[in-house]
Amino acid sequence: MSAHDQGEKSRAEIKQERLQGRLGPEVQEFRDTCKSLQLATITKDGLPHVSYAPFAFNNAGYYILVSDLATHGKNLKSNKNVSIMMVEDEACANNVHARKRLTFDTTAEHLDKSSQQGIEGVQALQQRFGEMAQNLAKLGDFNLYKLTPSNGRYVKGFGQAFNVSGNDLVDFLHLSEGHVQHEKESMAELTPEQN
């Protein structure tokens, strides 16, 4: 590797650190202001199903309590692949087409509520939602799941999308491809008469 390449790498690393320093707290704050997340689960027949659940987060992942009576509860028993999304409230968004959102591909793991990890998950939900979470955790048909995130994306608005890793949101990569590039390509395909 040449000295020039090493200098380029250092600049790239510095840019990455700046981006992380600026966006890391923003992403975490956004996640922490959301009380529920949308769940995209898969039925036994391979069909998508969308729902939502209140959640609590810690470094191990996202914890949810889900009833076996709910469609998404049944789906989690047969397929552990779940996509989740936290999205800005429409009433608070500057533009409904560009709401802030944080999405992750996750793997769902059923936790025994009496295990150490299960106790921690229930406590995290109780700290966030109080007596309601405590009461739901006592019901036999409500199961505790930990959703472990892998790759994700944080969208701040138009042309402001960032890849996010699942390990405590440390790996950001700004998406340089976007709407403007696509529009230029479309314009280039038009004949001179159409321009």
Protein backbone atom coordinates (compact mmCIF):
# COMPACT_ATOMS: atom_id res chain seq x y z
CA MET A 1 0.00 0.00 0.00
CA SER A 2 1.44 3.37 -1.02
CA ALA A 3 1.76 6.35 1.30
CA HIS A 4 -0.95 8.04 -0.79
CA ASP A 5 -3.34 5.11 -0.22
CA GLN A 6 -2.58 5.20 3.50
CA GLY A 7 -3.35 8.94 3.51
CA GLU A 8 -6.64 8.29 1.68
CA LYS A 9 -7.54 5.58 4.16
CA SER A 10 -6.87 7.91 7.06
CA ARG A 11 -9.14 10.55 5.55
CA ALA A 12 -11.85 7.92 5.01
CA GLU A 13 -11.48 6.72 8.59
CA ILE A 14 -11.68 10.29 9.87
CA LYS A 15 -14.79 10.92 7.78
CA GLN A 16 -16.34 7.70 9.15
CA GLU A 17 -15.56 8.73 12.75
CA ARG A 18 -17.12 12.17 12.20
CA LEU A 19 -20.21 10.61 10.67
CA GLN A 20 -20.47 8.15 13.55
CA GLY A 21 -19.98 10.91 16.12
CA ARG A 22 -22.72 12.99 14.54
CA LEU A 23 -25.22 10.28 13.62
CA GLY A 24 -24.68 7.65 16.33
CA PRO A 25 -26.32 9.72 19.10
CA GLU A 26 -29.06 10.87 16.70
CA VAL A 27 -29.98 7.29 15.76
CA GLN A 28 -29.95 6.18 19.39
CA GLU A 29 -32.09 9.15 20.45
CA PHE A 30 -34.58 8.43 17.66
CA ARG A 31 -34.77 4.74 18.68
CA ASP A 32 -35.26 5.67 22.34
CA THR A 33 -38.14 8.07 21.57
CA CYS A 34 -40.07 5.28 19.83
CA LYS A 35 -42.16 3.09 22.11
CA SER A 36 -43.33 0.57 19.54
CA LEU A 37 -41.94 -1.00 16.41
CA GLN A 38 -43.54 -2.40 13.30
CA LEU A 39 -42.95 -6.11 12.76
CA ALA A 40 -42.87 -7.82 9.37
CA THR A 41 -43.23 -11.54 10.05
CA ILE A 42 -43.77 -14.47 7.69
CA THR A 43 -46.69 -16.90 7.87
CA LYS A 44 -46.35 -20.68 7.56
CA ASP A 45 -47.46 -20.25 3.93
CA GLY A 46 -44.62 -17.79 3.28
CA LEU A 47 -46.86 -14.72 3.15
CA PRO A 48 -45.83 -11.42 4.74
CA HIS A 49 -47.75 -10.12 7.76
CA VAL A 50 -47.30 -6.69 9.29
CA SER A 51 -48.12 -5.76 12.89
CA TYR A 52 -46.58 -3.84 15.77
CA ALA A 53 -45.43 -4.35 19.34
CA PRO A 54 -44.18 -2.16 22.18
CA PHE A 55 -40.48 -2.80 22.79
CA ALA A 56 -37.60 -2.26 25.14
CA PHE A 57 -33.99 -2.12 23.97
CA ASN A 58 -30.67 -2.97 25.56
CA ASN A 59 -27.30 -3.99 24.16
CA ALA A 60 -28.55 -7.57 23.66
CA GLY A 61 -31.38 -6.50 21.34
CA TYR A 62 -35.05 -5.53 21.17
CA TYR A 63 -37.45 -7.24 23.61
CA ILE A 64 -41.14 -7.75 22.86
CA LEU A 65 -43.97 -9.61 24.57
CA VAL A 66 -46.23 -11.31 22.04
CA SER A 67 -49.38 -13.37 22.48
CA ASP A 68 -49.71 -16.79 20.88
CA LEU A 69 -53.24 -15.71 19.91
CA ALA A 70 -51.87 -12.96 17.63
CA THR A 71 -50.93 -13.77 14.04
CA HIS A 72 -47.41 -12.45 14.54
CA GLY A 73 -47.08 -14.64 17.65
CA LYS A 74 -47.87 -17.71 15.57
CA ASN A 75 -45.51 -16.55 12.82
CA LEU A 76 -42.58 -16.11 15.22
CA LYS A 77 -42.91 -19.76 16.22
CA SER A 78 -42.46 -20.98 12.65
CA ASN A 79 -40.05 -18.40 11.17
CA LYS A 80 -37.42 -16.47 13.14
CA ASN A 81 -36.68 -13.94 10.36
CA VAL A 82 -38.29 -10.63 11.25
CA SER A 83 -37.90 -7.16 9.81
CA ILE A 84 -38.56 -4.29 12.21
CA MET A 85 -39.12 -0.59 11.69
CA MET A 86 -39.39 2.40 13.98
CA VAL A 87 -40.90 5.36 12.15
CA GLU A 88 -41.47 9.02 12.94
CA ASP A 89 -45.04 10.00 13.85
CA GLU A 90 -46.87 11.48 10.85
CA ALA A 91 -48.06 14.41 12.96
CA CYS A 92 -44.44 15.35 13.79
CA ALA A 93 -42.94 14.85 10.32
CA ASN A 94 -42.09 17.82 8.12
CA ASN A 95 -42.99 15.74 5.07
CA VAL A 96 -45.04 12.54 5.13
CA HIS A 97 -42.97 11.21 2.19
CA ALA A 98 -39.71 11.58 4.10
CA ARG A 99 -40.45 10.44 7.64
CA LYS A 100 -37.44 9.45 9.73
CA ARG A 101 -37.18 5.69 10.09
CA LEU A 102 -34.88 3.03 11.43
CA THR A 103 -35.17 -0.50 10.04
CA PHE A 104 -33.36 -3.74 10.82
CA ASP A 105 -33.35 -7.32 9.70
CA THR A 106 -33.50 -9.33 12.91
CA THR A 107 -33.54 -12.88 14.20
CA ALA A 108 -36.20 -13.65 16.81
CA GLU A 109 -35.31 -15.83 19.78
CA HIS A 110 -37.95 -17.10 22.18
CA LEU A 111 -36.75 -16.58 25.77
CA ASP A 112 -37.89 -18.42 28.86
CA LYS A 113 -39.23 -15.60 31.05
CA SER A 114 -37.67 -17.26 34.13
CA SER A 115 -34.16 -17.50 32.60
CA GLN A 116 -31.53 -14.85 33.38
CA GLN A 117 -31.86 -13.30 29.93
CA GLY A 118 -35.66 -13.56 30.16
CA ILE A 119 -35.71 -11.80 33.53
CA GLU A 120 -33.54 -9.00 32.09
CA GLY A 121 -35.88 -8.66 29.10
CA VAL A 122 -39.03 -8.51 31.24
CA GLN A 123 -37.36 -5.99 33.57
CA ALA A 124 -36.44 -3.79 30.60
CA LEU A 125 -40.08 -3.87 29.44
CA GLN A 126 -41.33 -3.15 32.98
CA GLN A 127 -38.99 -0.16 33.31
CA ARG A 128 -40.39 1.22 30.10
CA PHE A 129 -44.09 0.32 30.40
CA GLY A 130 -44.68 -0.31 34.10
CA GLU A 131 -47.48 -2.45 35.44
CA MET A 132 -48.94 -3.28 32.00
CA ALA A 133 -45.75 -5.07 30.92
CA GLN A 134 -45.56 -6.82 34.28
CA ASN A 135 -49.15 -8.09 33.91
CA LEU A 136 -48.64 -9.26 30.32
CA ALA A 137 -45.45 -11.11 31.28
CA LYS A 138 -47.47 -13.12 33.83
CA LEU A 139 -49.93 -14.39 31.19
CA GLY A 140 -49.24 -17.87 29.86
CA ASP A 141 -50.03 -17.05 26.22
CA PHE A 142 -47.60 -14.09 26.14
CA ASN A 143 -44.09 -15.07 25.09
CA LEU A 144 -40.94 -13.02 25.41
CA TYR A 145 -38.82 -12.63 22.29
CA LYS A 146 -35.45 -11.02 21.80
CA LEU A 147 -34.95 -9.59 18.31
CA THR A 148 -31.26 -9.47 17.47
CA PRO A 149 -30.54 -6.91 14.73
CA SER A 150 -28.10 -7.47 11.91
CA ASN A 151 -27.97 -5.00 9.03
CA GLY A 152 -30.20 -1.96 9.03
CA ARG A 153 -30.84 1.47 7.61
CA TYR A 154 -31.50 4.90 9.09
CA VAL A 155 -33.32 7.36 6.85
CA LYS A 156 -33.35 11.04 7.87
CA GLY A 157 -35.16 12.29 4.78
CA PHE A 158 -34.77 12.56 1.02
CA GLY A 159 -31.26 11.54 -0.06
CA GLN A 160 -30.21 10.98 3.55
CA ALA A 161 -30.07 7.21 4.02
CA PHE A 162 -27.35 5.47 6.02
CA ASN A 163 -26.52 1.80 6.45
CA VAL A 164 -26.38 0.83 10.12
CA SER A 165 -24.85 -2.28 11.63
CA GLY A 166 -26.62 -4.31 14.28
CA ASN A 167 -23.76 -4.16 16.78
CA ASP A 168 -24.67 -1.05 18.71
CA LEU A 169 -24.99 1.15 15.62
CA VAL A 170 -21.27 1.60 14.99
CA ASP A 171 -20.88 1.09 11.25
CA PHE A 172 -22.35 3.85 9.11
CA LEU A 173 -22.03 4.18 5.38
CA HIS A 174 -23.75 7.05 3.63
CA LEU A 175 -25.55 5.92 0.50
CA SER A 176 -24.08 7.94 -2.34
CA GLU A 177 -26.47 6.50 -4.94
CA GLY A 178 -29.89 8.03 -4.82
CA HIS A 179 -32.76 9.88 -6.36
CA VAL A 180 -30.64 12.53 -8.11
CA GLN A 181 -28.39 10.01 -9.85
CA HIS A 182 -31.38 8.01 -11.06
CA GLU A 183 -33.06 11.18 -12.34
CA LYS A 184 -29.93 12.12 -14.32
CA GLU A 185 -29.83 8.66 -15.89
CA SER A 186 -33.51 8.95 -16.84
CA MET A 187 -32.91 12.37 -18.40
CA ALA A 188 -29.97 10.99 -20.40
CA GLU A 189 -32.23 8.32 -21.89
CA LEU A 190 -34.60 10.94 -23.31
CA THR A 191 -34.13 11.91 -26.93
CA PRO A 192 -33.15 15.54 -27.66
CA GLU A 193 -36.75 16.26 -28.71
CA GLN A 194 -37.98 15.06 -25.29
CA ASN A 195 -35.48 17.19 -23.34
